[in-house]
PDB file of N, CA and C in Angstrom:
ATOM      1  N   UNK A   1     107.656 127.993  79.560  1.00  0.00           N
ATOM      2  CA  UNK A   1     107.062 128.591  78.367  1.00  0.00           C
ATOM      3  C   UNK A   1     107.614 127.863  77.136  1.00  0.00           C
ATOM      4  N   UNK A   2     106.757 127.620  76.181  1.00  0.00           N
ATOM      5  CA  UNK A   2     107.160 126.938  74.949  1.00  0.00           C
ATOM      6  C   UNK A   2     107.923 127.918  74.058  1.00  0.00           C
ATOM      7  N   UNK A   3     108.896 127.428  73.308  1.00  0.00           N
ATOM      8  CA  UNK A   3     109.709 128.322  72.478  1.00  0.00           C
ATOM      9  C   UNK A   3     108.917 128.821  71.273  1.00  0.00           C
ATOM     10  N   UNK A   4     109.314 130.003  70.827  1.00  0.00           N
ATOM     11  CA  UNK A   4     108.695 130.605  69.649  1.00  0.00           C
ATOM     12  C   UNK A   4     108.901 129.706  68.424  1.00  0.00           C
ATOM     13  N   UNK A   5     110.084 129.088  68.313  1.00  0.00           N
ATOM     14  CA  UNK A   5     110.397 128.230  67.176  1.00  0.00           C
ATOM     15  C   UNK A   5     109.498 127.011  67.091  1.00  0.00           C
ATOM     16  N   UNK A   6     109.183 126.411  68.227  1.00  0.00           N
ATOM     17  CA  UNK A   6     108.290 125.240  68.237  1.00  0.00           C
ATOM     18  C   UNK A   6     106.899 125.656  67.755  1.00  0.00           C
ATOM     19  N   UNK A   7     106.430 126.794  68.236  1.00  0.00           N
ATOM     20  CA  UNK A   7     105.124 127.309  67.804  1.00  0.00           C
ATOM     21  C   UNK A   7     105.133 127.620  66.309  1.00  0.00           C
ATOM     22  N   UNK A   8     106.179 128.285  65.835  1.00  0.00           N
ATOM     23  CA  UNK A   8     106.290 128.619  64.410  1.00  0.00           C
ATOM     24  C   UNK A   8     106.208 127.368  63.544  1.00  0.00           C
ATOM     25  N   UNK A   9     106.951 126.347  63.925  1.00  0.00           N
ATOM     26  CA  UNK A   9     106.979 125.122  63.122  1.00  0.00           C
ATOM     27  C   UNK A   9     105.619 124.432  63.107  1.00  0.00           C
ATOM     28  N   UNK A  10     104.967 124.363  64.260  1.00  0.00           N
ATOM     29  CA  UNK A  10     103.629 123.751  64.317  1.00  0.00           C
ATOM     30  C   UNK A  10     102.639 124.544  63.460  1.00  0.00           C
ATOM     31  N   UNK A  11     102.744 125.857  63.490  1.00  0.00           N
ATOM     32  CA  UNK A  11     101.860 126.703  62.685  1.00  0.00           C
ATOM     33  C   UNK A  11     102.157 126.530  61.196  1.00  0.00           C
ATOM     34  N   UNK A  12     103.423 126.452  60.847  1.00  0.00           N
ATOM     35  CA  UNK A  12     103.799 126.238  59.448  1.00  0.00           C
ATOM     36  C   UNK A  12     103.203 124.928  58.919  1.00  0.00           C
ATOM     37  N   UNK A  13     103.293 123.882  59.705  1.00  0.00           N
ATOM     38  CA  UNK A  13     102.726 122.589  59.296  1.00  0.00           C
ATOM     39  C   UNK A  13     101.212 122.704  59.114  1.00  0.00           C
ATOM     40  N   UNK A  14     100.536 123.360  60.049  1.00  0.00           N
ATOM     41  CA  UNK A  14      99.082 123.510  59.969  1.00  0.00           C
ATOM     42  C   UNK A  14      98.667 124.318  58.740  1.00  0.00           C
ATOM     43  N   UNK A  15      99.375 125.398  58.451  1.00  0.00           N
ATOM     44  CA  UNK A  15      99.001 126.259  57.322  1.00  0.00           C
ATOM     45  C   UNK A  15      99.323 125.633  55.972  1.00  0.00           C
ATOM     46  N   UNK A  16     100.201 124.634  55.962  1.00  0.00           N
ATOM     47  CA  UNK A  16     100.549 123.946  54.719  1.00  0.00           C
ATOM     48  C   UNK A  16      99.808 122.624  54.547  1.00  0.00           C
ATOM     49  N   UNK A  17      98.800 122.378  55.372  1.00  0.00           N
ATOM     50  CA  UNK A  17      98.022 121.143  55.246  1.00  0.00           C
ATOM     51  C   UNK A  17      97.447 121.054  53.832  1.00  0.00           C
ATOM     52  N   UNK A  18      97.387 119.853  53.255  1.00  0.00           N
ATOM     53  CA  UNK A  18      96.958 119.696  51.861  1.00  0.00           C
ATOM     54  C   UNK A  18      95.595 120.310  51.540  1.00  0.00           C
ATOM     55  N   UNK A  19      94.679 120.307  52.503  1.00  0.00           N
ATOM     56  CA  UNK A  19      93.336 120.824  52.229  1.00  0.00           C
ATOM     57  C   UNK A  19      93.250 122.349  52.286  1.00  0.00           C
ATOM     58  N   UNK A  20      94.326 123.003  52.716  1.00  0.00           N
ATOM     59  CA  UNK A  20      94.315 124.466  52.844  1.00  0.00           C
ATOM     60  C   UNK A  20      94.784 125.152  51.571  1.00  0.00           C
ATOM     61  N   UNK A  21      94.391 126.408  51.433  1.00  0.00           N
ATOM     62  CA  UNK A  21      94.825 127.219  50.296  1.00  0.00           C
ATOM     63  C   UNK A  21      96.040 128.073  50.626  1.00  0.00           C
ATOM     64  N   UNK A  22      96.519 128.000  51.856  1.00  0.00           N
ATOM     65  CA  UNK A  22      97.697 128.769  52.263  1.00  0.00           C
ATOM     66  C   UNK A  22      98.953 127.927  52.086  1.00  0.00           C
ATOM     67  N   UNK A  23     100.018 128.585  51.665  1.00  0.00           N
ATOM     68  CA  UNK A  23     101.334 127.958  51.559  1.00  0.00           C
ATOM     69  C   UNK A  23     102.346 128.952  52.132  1.00  0.00           C
ATOM     70  N   UNK A  24     103.067 128.524  53.162  1.00  0.00           N
ATOM     71  CA  UNK A  24     104.038 129.396  53.822  1.00  0.00           C
ATOM     72  C   UNK A  24     105.350 128.647  54.063  1.00  0.00           C
ATOM     73  N   UNK A  25     106.414 129.419  54.213  1.00  0.00           N
ATOM     74  CA  UNK A  25     107.729 128.890  54.556  1.00  0.00           C
ATOM     75  C   UNK A  25     108.379 129.818  55.571  1.00  0.00           C
ATOM     76  N   UNK A  26     109.271 129.261  56.358  1.00  0.00           N
ATOM     77  CA  UNK A  26     110.018 130.033  57.356  1.00  0.00           C
ATOM     78  C   UNK A  26     110.957 130.981  56.635  1.00  0.00           C
ATOM     79  N   UNK A  27     110.990 132.236  57.096  1.00  0.00           N
ATOM     80  CA  UNK A  27     111.835 133.255  56.487  1.00  0.00           C
ATOM     81  C   UNK A  27     112.718 133.872  57.570  1.00  0.00           C
ATOM     82  N   UNK A  28     114.013 133.778  57.390  1.00  0.00           N
ATOM     83  CA  UNK A  28     114.938 134.429  58.319  1.00  0.00           C
ATOM     84  C   UNK A  28     115.221 135.837  57.834  1.00  0.00           C
ATOM     85  N   UNK A  29     115.350 136.751  58.775  1.00  0.00           N
ATOM     86  CA  UNK A  29     115.677 138.124  58.405  1.00  0.00           C
ATOM     87  C   UNK A  29     116.965 138.533  59.096  1.00  0.00           C
ATOM     88  N   UNK A  30     117.525 139.632  58.637  1.00  0.00           N
ATOM     89  CA  UNK A  30     118.754 140.136  59.241  1.00  0.00           C
ATOM     90  C   UNK A  30     119.978 139.746  58.449  1.00  0.00           C
ATOM     91  N   UNK A  31     121.126 139.734  59.147  1.00  0.00           N
ATOM     92  CA  UNK A  31     122.406 139.512  58.496  1.00  0.00           C
ATOM     93  C   UNK A  31     123.286 138.665  59.404  1.00  0.00           C
ATOM     94  N   UNK A  32     124.135 137.862  58.785  1.00  0.00           N
ATOM     95  CA  UNK A  32     125.094 137.055  59.540  1.00  0.00           C
ATOM     96  C   UNK A  32     126.435 137.092  58.814  1.00  0.00           C
ATOM     97  N   UNK A  33     127.515 137.145  59.574  1.00  0.00           N
ATOM     98  CA  UNK A  33     128.861 137.075  59.018  1.00  0.00           C
ATOM     99  C   UNK A  33     129.382 135.663  59.287  1.00  0.00           C
ATOM    100  N   UNK A  34     129.815 135.008  58.217  1.00  0.00           N
ATOM    101  CA  UNK A  34     130.254 133.619  58.311  1.00  0.00           C
ATOM    102  C   UNK A  34     131.713 133.537  57.902  1.00  0.00           C
ATOM    103  N   UNK A  35     132.533 132.972  58.791  1.00  0.00           N
ATOM    104  CA  UNK A  35     133.931 132.716  58.467  1.00  0.00           C
ATOM    105  C   UNK A  35     134.045 131.312  57.919  1.00  0.00           C
ATOM    106  N   UNK A  36     134.586 131.194  56.726  1.00  0.00           N
ATOM    107  CA  UNK A  36     134.712 129.888  56.092  1.00  0.00           C
ATOM    108  C   UNK A  36     136.100 129.680  55.539  1.00  0.00           C
ATOM    109  N   UNK A  37     136.325 128.568  54.868  1.00  0.00           N
ATOM    110  CA  UNK A  37     137.652 128.256  54.336  1.00  0.00           C
ATOM    111  C   UNK A  37     138.126 129.234  53.263  1.00  0.00           C
ATOM    112  N   UNK A  38     137.175 129.917  52.630  1.00  0.00           N
ATOM    113  CA  UNK A  38     137.542 130.892  51.582  1.00  0.00           C
ATOM    114  C   UNK A  38     137.405 132.324  52.071  1.00  0.00           C
ATOM    115  N   UNK A  39     137.341 132.491  53.374  1.00  0.00           N
ATOM    116  CA  UNK A  39     137.271 133.842  53.921  1.00  0.00           C
ATOM    117  C   UNK A  39     135.921 134.154  54.528  1.00  0.00           C
ATOM    118  N   UNK A  40     135.748 135.394  54.832  1.00  0.00           N
ATOM    119  CA  UNK A  40     134.540 135.867  55.498  1.00  0.00           C
ATOM    120  C   UNK A  40     133.481 136.240  54.461  1.00  0.00           C
ATOM    121  N   UNK A  41     132.242 135.805  54.735  1.00  0.00           N
ATOM    122  CA  UNK A  41     131.131 136.137  53.846  1.00  0.00           C
ATOM    123  C   UNK A  41     130.008 136.754  54.662  1.00  0.00           C
ATOM    124  N   UNK A  42     129.294 137.640  54.032  1.00  0.00           N
ATOM    125  CA  UNK A  42     128.123 138.248  54.661  1.00  0.00           C
ATOM    126  C   UNK A  42     126.889 137.650  54.008  1.00  0.00           C
ATOM    127  N   UNK A  43     126.021 137.070  54.833  1.00  0.00           N
ATOM    128  CA  UNK A  43     124.774 136.487  54.346  1.00  0.00           C
ATOM    129  C   UNK A  43     123.635 137.395  54.793  1.00  0.00           C
ATOM    130  N   UNK A  44     122.807 137.777  53.853  1.00  0.00           N
ATOM    131  CA  UNK A  44     121.674 138.629  54.180  1.00  0.00           C
ATOM    132  C   UNK A  44     120.375 137.856  53.996  1.00  0.00           C
ATOM    133  N   UNK A  45     119.489 138.010  54.972  1.00  0.00           N
ATOM    134  CA  UNK A  45     118.170 137.400  54.888  1.00  0.00           C
ATOM    135  C   UNK A  45     117.164 138.445  54.440  1.00  0.00           C
ATOM    136  N   UNK A  46     115.938 138.219  54.782  1.00  0.00           N
ATOM    137  CA  UNK A  46     114.865 139.151  54.424  1.00  0.00           C
ATOM    138  C   UNK A  46     115.027 140.465  55.191  1.00  0.00           C
ATOM    139  N   UNK A  47     114.339 141.475  54.746  1.00  0.00           N
ATOM    140  CA  UNK A  47     114.388 142.793  55.387  1.00  0.00           C
ATOM    141  C   UNK A  47     113.860 142.731  56.816  1.00  0.00           C
ATOM    142  N   UNK A  48     114.344 143.627  57.640  1.00  0.00           N
ATOM    143  CA  UNK A  48     113.870 143.714  59.021  1.00  0.00           C
ATOM    144  C   UNK A  48     112.357 143.898  59.030  1.00  0.00           C
ATOM    145  N   UNK A  49     111.693 143.188  59.919  1.00  0.00           N
ATOM    146  CA  UNK A  49     110.242 143.297  60.038  1.00  0.00           C
ATOM    147  C   UNK A  49     109.473 142.257  59.248  1.00  0.00           C
ATOM    148  N   UNK A  50     110.159 141.552  58.357  1.00  0.00           N
ATOM    149  CA  UNK A  50     109.488 140.510  57.576  1.00  0.00           C
ATOM    150  C   UNK A  50     108.947 139.442  58.519  1.00  0.00           C
ATOM    151  N   UNK A  51     107.780 138.932  58.221  1.00  0.00           N
ATOM    152  CA  UNK A  51     107.161 137.919  59.062  1.00  0.00           C
ATOM    153  C   UNK A  51     107.995 136.647  59.141  1.00  0.00           C
ATOM    154  N   UNK A  52     107.773 135.869  60.186  1.00  0.00           N
ATOM    155  CA  UNK A  52     108.481 134.599  60.359  1.00  0.00           C
ATOM    156  C   UNK A  52     108.082 133.584  59.293  1.00  0.00           C
ATOM    157  N   UNK A  53     106.822 133.615  58.899  1.00  0.00           N
ATOM    158  CA  UNK A  53     106.296 132.727  57.868  1.00  0.00           C
ATOM    159  C   UNK A  53     105.806 133.589  56.720  1.00  0.00           C
ATOM    160  N   UNK A  54     106.286 133.302  55.521  1.00  0.00           N
ATOM    161  CA  UNK A  54     105.947 134.109  54.343  1.00  0.00           C
ATOM    162  C   UNK A  54     105.430 133.177  53.261  1.00  0.00           C
ATOM    163  N   UNK A  55     104.376 133.605  52.586  1.00  0.00           N
ATOM    164  CA  UNK A  55     103.833 132.774  51.523  1.00  0.00           C
ATOM    165  C   UNK A  55     102.699 133.444  50.782  1.00  0.00           C
ATOM    166  N   UNK A  56     101.759 132.620  50.353  1.00  0.00           N
ATOM    167  CA  UNK A  56     100.657 133.114  49.531  1.00  0.00           C
ATOM    168  C   UNK A  56      99.384 132.329  49.831  1.00  0.00           C
ATOM    169  N   UNK A  57      98.297 132.868  49.320  1.00  0.00           N
ATOM    170  CA  UNK A  57      97.003 132.214  49.431  1.00  0.00           C
ATOM    171  C   UNK A  57      96.531 131.921  48.008  1.00  0.00           C
ATOM    172  N   UNK A  58      96.216 130.668  47.726  1.00  0.00           N
ATOM    173  CA  UNK A  58      95.705 130.281  46.419  1.00  0.00           C
ATOM    174  C   UNK A  58      94.213 130.611  46.354  1.00  0.00           C
ATOM    175  N   UNK A  59      93.622 130.779  45.234  1.00  0.00           N
ATOM    176  CA  UNK A  59      94.218 130.598  43.919  1.00  0.00           C
ATOM    177  C   UNK A  59      94.789 131.880  43.340  1.00  0.00           C
ATOM    178  N   UNK A  60      94.583 133.007  44.023  1.00  0.00           N
ATOM    179  CA  UNK A  60      94.972 134.288  43.430  1.00  0.00           C
ATOM    180  C   UNK A  60      96.365 134.773  43.798  1.00  0.00           C
ATOM    181  N   UNK A  61      97.069 134.083  44.696  1.00  0.00           N
ATOM    182  CA  UNK A  61      98.434 134.468  45.037  1.00  0.00           C
ATOM    183  C   UNK A  61      98.533 135.618  46.024  1.00  0.00           C
ATOM    184  N   UNK A  62      97.484 135.873  46.783  1.00  0.00           N
ATOM    185  CA  UNK A  62      97.513 136.930  47.793  1.00  0.00           C
ATOM    186  C   UNK A  62      98.719 136.738  48.706  1.00  0.00           C
ATOM    187  N   UNK A  63      99.544 137.793  48.870  1.00  0.00           N
ATOM    188  CA  UNK A  63     100.754 137.720  49.693  1.00  0.00           C
ATOM    189  C   UNK A  63     100.366 137.637  51.170  1.00  0.00           C
ATOM    190  N   UNK A  64     101.043 136.749  51.906  1.00  0.00           N
ATOM    191  CA  UNK A  64     100.728 136.486  53.302  1.00  0.00           C
ATOM    192  C   UNK A  64     102.007 136.431  54.126  1.00  0.00           C
ATOM    193  N   UNK A  65     102.039 137.175  55.239  1.00  0.00           N
ATOM    194  CA  UNK A  65     103.142 137.093  56.190  1.00  0.00           C
ATOM    195  C   UNK A  65     102.560 136.938  57.585  1.00  0.00           C
ATOM    196  N   UNK A  66     103.191 136.065  58.368  1.00  0.00           N
ATOM    197  CA  UNK A  66     102.735 135.812  59.730  1.00  0.00           C
ATOM    198  C   UNK A  66     103.911 135.994  60.672  1.00  0.00           C
ATOM    199  N   UNK A  67     103.742 136.837  61.661  1.00  0.00           N
ATOM    200  CA  UNK A  67     104.736 137.025  62.706  1.00  0.00           C
ATOM    201  C   UNK A  67     104.275 136.237  63.917  1.00  0.00           C
ATOM    202  N   UNK A  68     105.028 135.195  64.260  1.00  0.00           N
ATOM    203  CA  UNK A  68     104.688 134.325  65.381  1.00  0.00           C
ATOM    204  C   UNK A  68     105.520 134.723  66.592  1.00  0.00           C
ATOM    205  N   UNK A  69     104.858 135.158  67.629  1.00  0.00           N
ATOM    206  CA  UNK A  69     105.522 135.600  68.851  1.00  0.00           C
ATOM    207  C   UNK A  69     105.312 134.587  69.971  1.00  0.00           C
ATOM    208  N   UNK A  70     106.214 134.616  70.936  1.00  0.00           N
ATOM    209  CA  UNK A  70     106.015 133.844  72.156  1.00  0.00           C
ATOM    210  C   UNK A  70     104.775 134.408  72.855  1.00  0.00           C
ATOM    211  N   UNK A  71     104.305 133.702  73.852  1.00  0.00           N
ATOM    212  CA  UNK A  71     103.056 134.073  74.527  1.00  0.00           C
ATOM    213  C   UNK A  71     102.987 135.548  74.911  1.00  0.00           C
ATOM    214  N   UNK A  72     104.084 136.088  75.394  1.00  0.00           N
ATOM    215  CA  UNK A  72     104.083 137.494  75.837  1.00  0.00           C
ATOM    216  C   UNK A  72     104.917 138.401  74.939  1.00  0.00           C
ATOM    217  N   UNK A  73     105.257 137.904  73.748  1.00  0.00           N
ATOM    218  CA  UNK A  73     106.092 138.677  72.834  1.00  0.00           C
ATOM    219  C   UNK A  73     105.357 139.860  72.231  1.00  0.00           C
ATOM    220  N   UNK A  74     106.125 140.897  71.936  1.00  0.00           N
ATOM    221  CA  UNK A  74     105.564 142.098  71.320  1.00  0.00           C
ATOM    222  C   UNK A  74     106.305 142.392  70.018  1.00  0.00           C
ATOM    223  N   UNK A  75     105.614 142.931  69.036  1.00  0.00           N
ATOM    224  CA  UNK A  75     106.274 143.223  67.755  1.00  0.00           C
ATOM    225  C   UNK A  75     107.255 144.389  67.890  1.00  0.00           C
ATOM    226  N   UNK A  76     108.309 144.321  67.103  1.00  0.00           N
ATOM    227  CA  UNK A  76     109.284 145.417  67.057  1.00  0.00           C
ATOM    228  C   UNK A  76     108.715 146.563  66.222  1.00  0.00           C
ATOM    229  N   UNK A  77     109.375 147.691  66.261  1.00  0.00           N
ATOM    230  CA  UNK A  77     108.920 148.830  65.452  1.00  0.00           C
ATOM    231  C   UNK A  77     109.020 148.486  63.962  1.00  0.00           C
ATOM    232  N   UNK A  78     110.056 147.729  63.569  1.00  0.00           N
ATOM    233  CA  UNK A  78     110.192 147.322  62.160  1.00  0.00           C
ATOM    234  C   UNK A  78     109.031 146.413  61.755  1.00  0.00           C
ATOM    235  N   UNK A  79     108.594 145.549  62.646  1.00  0.00           N
ATOM    236  CA  UNK A  79     107.464 144.669  62.345  1.00  0.00           C
ATOM    237  C   UNK A  79     106.164 145.453  62.235  1.00  0.00           C
ATOM    238  N   UNK A  80     105.979 146.444  63.083  1.00  0.00           N
ATOM    239  CA  UNK A  80     104.774 147.285  62.984  1.00  0.00           C
ATOM    240  C   UNK A  80     104.767 148.078  61.678  1.00  0.00           C
ATOM    241  N   UNK A  81     105.922 148.594  61.279  1.00  0.00           N
ATOM    242  CA  UNK A  81     106.005 149.323  59.997  1.00  0.00           C
ATOM    243  C   UNK A  81     105.725 148.388  58.822  1.00  0.00           C
ATOM    244  N   UNK A  82     106.270 147.188  58.883  1.00  0.00           N
ATOM    245  CA  UNK A  82     106.052 146.220  57.807  1.00  0.00           C
ATOM    246  C   UNK A  82     104.572 145.861  57.692  1.00  0.00           C
ATOM    247  N   UNK A  83     103.925 145.630  58.825  1.00  0.00           N
ATOM    248  CA  UNK A  83     102.500 145.299  58.827  1.00  0.00           C
ATOM    249  C   UNK A  83     101.693 146.412  58.160  1.00  0.00           C
ATOM    250  N   UNK A  84     101.999 147.653  58.494  1.00  0.00           N
ATOM    251  CA  UNK A  84     101.273 148.797  57.922  1.00  0.00           C
ATOM    252  C   UNK A  84     101.530 148.906  56.418  1.00  0.00           C
ATOM    253  N   UNK A  85     102.782 148.727  56.013  1.00  0.00           N
ATOM    254  CA  UNK A  85     103.121 148.825  54.589  1.00  0.00           C
ATOM    255  C   UNK A  85     102.428 147.732  53.781  1.00  0.00           C
ATOM    256  N   UNK A  86     102.416 146.523  54.303  1.00  0.00           N
ATOM    257  CA  UNK A  86     101.756 145.435  53.577  1.00  0.00           C
ATOM    258  C   UNK A  86     100.249 145.636  53.512  1.00  0.00           C
ATOM    259  N   UNK A  87      99.664 146.165  54.574  1.00  0.00           N
ATOM    260  CA  UNK A  87      98.220 146.445  54.551  1.00  0.00           C
ATOM    261  C   UNK A  87      97.906 147.476  53.466  1.00  0.00           C
ATOM    262  N   UNK A  88      98.738 148.516  53.366  1.00  0.00           N
ATOM    263  CA  UNK A  88      98.528 149.540  52.317  1.00  0.00           C
ATOM    264  C   UNK A  88      98.669 148.937  50.924  1.00  0.00           C
ATOM    265  N   UNK A  89      99.534 147.936  50.790  1.00  0.00           N
ATOM    266  CA  UNK A  89      99.778 147.317  49.488  1.00  0.00           C
ATOM    267  C   UNK A  89      98.745 146.242  49.144  1.00  0.00           C
ATOM    268  N   UNK A  90      97.845 145.929  50.098  1.00  0.00           N
ATOM    269  CA  UNK A  90      96.810 144.947  49.828  1.00  0.00           C
ATOM    270  C   UNK A  90      97.177 143.527  50.220  1.00  0.00           C
ATOM    271  N   UNK A  91      98.292 143.357  50.930  1.00  0.00           N
ATOM    272  CA  UNK A  91      98.711 142.033  51.389  1.00  0.00           C
ATOM    273  C   UNK A  91      98.165 141.780  52.795  1.00  0.00           C
ATOM    274  N   UNK A  92      98.465 140.610  53.342  1.00  0.00           N
ATOM    275  CA  UNK A  92      97.996 140.236  54.673  1.00  0.00           C
ATOM    276  C   UNK A  92      99.207 139.986  55.567  1.00  0.00           C
ATOM    277  N   UNK A  93      99.249 140.648  56.726  1.00  0.00           N
ATOM    278  CA  UNK A  93     100.285 140.460  57.739  1.00  0.00           C
ATOM    279  C   UNK A  93      99.556 140.212  59.049  1.00  0.00           C
ATOM    280  N   UNK A  94      99.834 139.069  59.668  1.00  0.00           N
ATOM    281  CA  UNK A  94      99.107 138.673  60.868  1.00  0.00           C
ATOM    282  C   UNK A  94     100.100 138.435  62.005  1.00  0.00           C
ATOM    283  N   UNK A  95      99.799 138.997  63.161  1.00  0.00           N
ATOM    284  CA  UNK A  95     100.579 138.759  64.374  1.00  0.00           C
ATOM    285  C   UNK A  95      99.837 137.736  65.220  1.00  0.00           C
ATOM    286  N   UNK A  96     100.515 136.630  65.555  1.00  0.00           N
ATOM    287  CA  UNK A  96      99.903 135.579  66.379  1.00  0.00           C
ATOM    288  C   UNK A  96     100.818 135.276  67.556  1.00  0.00           C
ATOM    289  N   UNK A  97     100.221 134.772  68.625  1.00  0.00           N
ATOM    290  CA  UNK A  97     100.984 134.448  69.836  1.00  0.00           C
ATOM    291  C   UNK A  97     100.889 132.972  70.162  1.00  0.00           C
ATOM    292  N   UNK A  98     102.024 132.423  70.575  1.00  0.00           N
ATOM    293  CA  UNK A  98     102.094 131.034  70.984  1.00  0.00           C
ATOM    294  C   UNK A  98     101.589 130.854  72.402  1.00  0.00           C
ATOM    295  N   UNK A  99     101.587 129.632  72.860  1.00  0.00           N
ATOM    296  CA  UNK A  99     101.058 129.331  74.187  1.00  0.00           C
ATOM    297  C   UNK A  99     102.099 129.524  75.291  1.00  0.00           C
ATOM    298  N   UNK A 100     101.606 129.577  76.506  1.00  0.00           N
ATOM    299  CA  UNK A 100     102.480 129.611  77.681  1.00  0.00           C
ATOM    300  C   UNK A 100     103.071 128.225  77.935  1.00  0.00           C
ATOM    301  N   UNK A 101     102.248 127.186  77.799  1.00  0.00           N
ATOM    302  CA  UNK A 101     102.659 125.821  78.154  1.00  0.00           C
ATOM    303  C   UNK A 101     102.500 124.880  76.967  1.00  0.00           C
ATOM    304  N   UNK A 102     103.302 123.836  76.981  1.00  0.00           N
ATOM    305  CA  UNK A 102     103.310 122.875  75.877  1.00  0.00           C
ATOM    306  C   UNK A 102     101.950 122.238  75.635  1.00  0.00           C
ATOM    307  N   UNK A 103     101.223 121.962  76.692  1.00  0.00           N
ATOM    308  CA  UNK A 103      99.914 121.315  76.528  1.00  0.00           C
ATOM    309  C   UNK A 103      98.884 122.234  75.858  1.00  0.00           C
ATOM    310  N   UNK A 104      99.218 123.500  75.712  1.00  0.00           N
ATOM    311  CA  UNK A 104      98.321 124.459  75.052  1.00  0.00           C
ATOM    312  C   UNK A 104      98.679 124.673  73.586  1.00  0.00           C
ATOM    313  N   UNK A 105      99.705 123.970  73.098  1.00  0.00           N
ATOM    314  CA  UNK A 105     100.205 124.204  71.737  1.00  0.00           C
ATOM    315  C   UNK A 105      99.127 123.989  70.679  1.00  0.00           C
ATOM    316  N   UNK A 106      98.437 122.874  70.723  1.00  0.00           N
ATOM    317  CA  UNK A 106      97.435 122.581  69.694  1.00  0.00           C
ATOM    318  C   UNK A 106      96.352 123.656  69.647  1.00  0.00           C
ATOM    319  N   UNK A 107      95.852 124.078  70.798  1.00  0.00           N
ATOM    320  CA  UNK A 107      94.814 125.114  70.845  1.00  0.00           C
ATOM    321  C   UNK A 107      95.355 126.442  70.333  1.00  0.00           C
ATOM    322  N   UNK A 108      96.617 126.764  70.657  1.00  0.00           N
ATOM    323  CA  UNK A 108      97.217 128.021  70.195  1.00  0.00           C
ATOM    324  C   UNK A 108      97.376 128.024  68.679  1.00  0.00           C
ATOM    325  N   UNK A 109      97.755 126.891  68.108  1.00  0.00           N
ATOM    326  CA  UNK A 109      97.883 126.786  66.652  1.00  0.00           C
ATOM    327  C   UNK A 109      96.511 126.947  65.999  1.00  0.00           C
ATOM    328  N   UNK A 110      95.491 126.317  66.564  1.00  0.00           N
ATOM    329  CA  UNK A 110      94.141 126.463  66.019  1.00  0.00           C
ATOM    330  C   UNK A 110      93.683 127.917  66.064  1.00  0.00           C
ATOM    331  N   UNK A 111      93.940 128.604  67.174  1.00  0.00           N
ATOM    332  CA  UNK A 111      93.582 130.034  67.273  1.00  0.00           C
ATOM    333  C   UNK A 111      94.338 130.854  66.230  1.00  0.00           C
ATOM    334  N   UNK A 112      95.619 130.558  66.052  1.00  0.00           N
ATOM    335  CA  UNK A 112      96.428 131.286  65.078  1.00  0.00           C
ATOM    336  C   UNK A 112      95.908 131.066  63.661  1.00  0.00           C
ATOM    337  N   UNK A 113      95.579 129.829  63.321  1.00  0.00           N
ATOM    338  CA  UNK A 113      95.027 129.533  61.994  1.00  0.00           C
ATOM    339  C   UNK A 113      93.707 130.281  61.800  1.00  0.00           C
ATOM    340  N   UNK A 114      92.877 130.324  62.831  1.00  0.00           N
ATOM    341  CA  UNK A 114      91.618 131.076  62.752  1.00  0.00           C
ATOM    342  C   UNK A 114      91.880 132.562  62.505  1.00  0.00           C
ATOM    343  N   UNK A 115      92.893 133.130  63.185  1.00  0.00           N
ATOM    344  CA  UNK A 115      93.235 134.541  62.977  1.00  0.00           C
ATOM    345  C   UNK A 115      93.717 134.784  61.550  1.00  0.00           C
ATOM    346  N   UNK A 116      94.534 133.888  61.042  1.00  0.00           N
ATOM    347  CA  UNK A 116      95.017 134.007  59.663  1.00  0.00           C
ATOM    348  C   UNK A 116      93.836 133.946  58.698  1.00  0.00           C
ATOM    349  N   UNK A 117      92.946 132.990  58.883  1.00  0.00           N
ATOM    350  CA  UNK A 117      91.784 132.864  58.003  1.00  0.00           C
ATOM    351  C   UNK A 117      90.894 134.104  58.070  1.00  0.00           C
ATOM    352  N   UNK A 118      90.719 134.649  59.267  1.00  0.00           N
ATOM    353  CA  UNK A 118      89.898 135.859  59.416  1.00  0.00           C
ATOM    354  C   UNK A 118      90.547 137.047  58.702  1.00  0.00           C
ATOM    355  N   UNK A 119      91.857 137.167  58.808  1.00  0.00           N
ATOM    356  CA  UNK A 119      92.560 138.269  58.130  1.00  0.00           C
ATOM    357  C   UNK A 119      92.469 138.132  56.618  1.00  0.00           C
ATOM    358  N   UNK A 120      92.572 136.914  56.113  1.00  0.00           N
ATOM    359  CA  UNK A 120      92.439 136.680  54.667  1.00  0.00           C
ATOM    360  C   UNK A 120      91.025 137.025  54.214  1.00  0.00           C
ATOM    361  N   UNK A 121      90.023 136.586  54.953  1.00  0.00           N
ATOM    362  CA  UNK A 121      88.628 136.886  54.609  1.00  0.00           C
ATOM    363  C   UNK A 121      88.368 138.386  54.624  1.00  0.00           C
ATOM    364  N   UNK A 122      88.896 139.077  55.626  1.00  0.00           N
ATOM    365  CA  UNK A 122      88.715 140.527  55.711  1.00  0.00           C
ATOM    366  C   UNK A 122      89.363 141.224  54.534  1.00  0.00           C
ATOM    367  N   UNK A 123      90.548 140.786  54.154  1.00  0.00           N
ATOM    368  CA  UNK A 123      91.255 141.394  53.016  1.00  0.00           C
ATOM    369  C   UNK A 123      90.474 141.168  51.721  1.00  0.00           C
ATOM    370  N   UNK A 124      89.908 140.000  51.565  1.00  0.00           N
ATOM    371  CA  UNK A 124      89.183 139.696  50.328  1.00  0.00           C
ATOM    372  C   UNK A 124      87.859 140.434  50.227  1.00  0.00           C
ATOM    373  N   UNK A 125      87.348 140.931  51.333  1.00  0.00           N
ATOM    374  CA  UNK A 125      86.102 141.704  51.320  1.00  0.00           C
ATOM    375  C   UNK A 125      86.359 143.154  50.908  1.00  0.00           C
ATOM    376  N   UNK A 126      87.613 143.582  51.016  1.00  0.00           N
ATOM    377  CA  UNK A 126      87.948 144.954  50.608  1.00  0.00           C
ATOM    378  C   UNK A 126      88.047 145.020  49.100  1.00  0.00           C
ATOM    379  N   UNK A 127      87.722 146.181  48.526  1.00  0.00           N
ATOM    380  CA  UNK A 127      87.844 146.313  47.056  1.00  0.00           C
ATOM    381  C   UNK A 127      89.280 146.316  46.595  1.00  0.00           C
TER     382      UNK A 127
END
């Protein structure tokens, strides 16, 4: 099975193609404790449930989050709550799944981009 990270990166590259109106970046969530030369520090990322890829859609700046899962991955309860909250706020949160095998990566990225585009179109049709 192909790793979730490989799928995320391929999707990020596709969504940031120059001809597209989407711009996304990888977003880490959670917390990490780092021991360094000046002592221990706590680093905090985005809130639990935040999508793996976060960005916007031009030209209006529509907020966009994409949760990229492995082929058989399922969203956590925090991710489901985040998706619902963003939908209520008028943003777009899309759950996409990567491929089982490496040779399916390109097709999986194309399907994911299609899902993102469909979600953006659906959101823009709402008042």
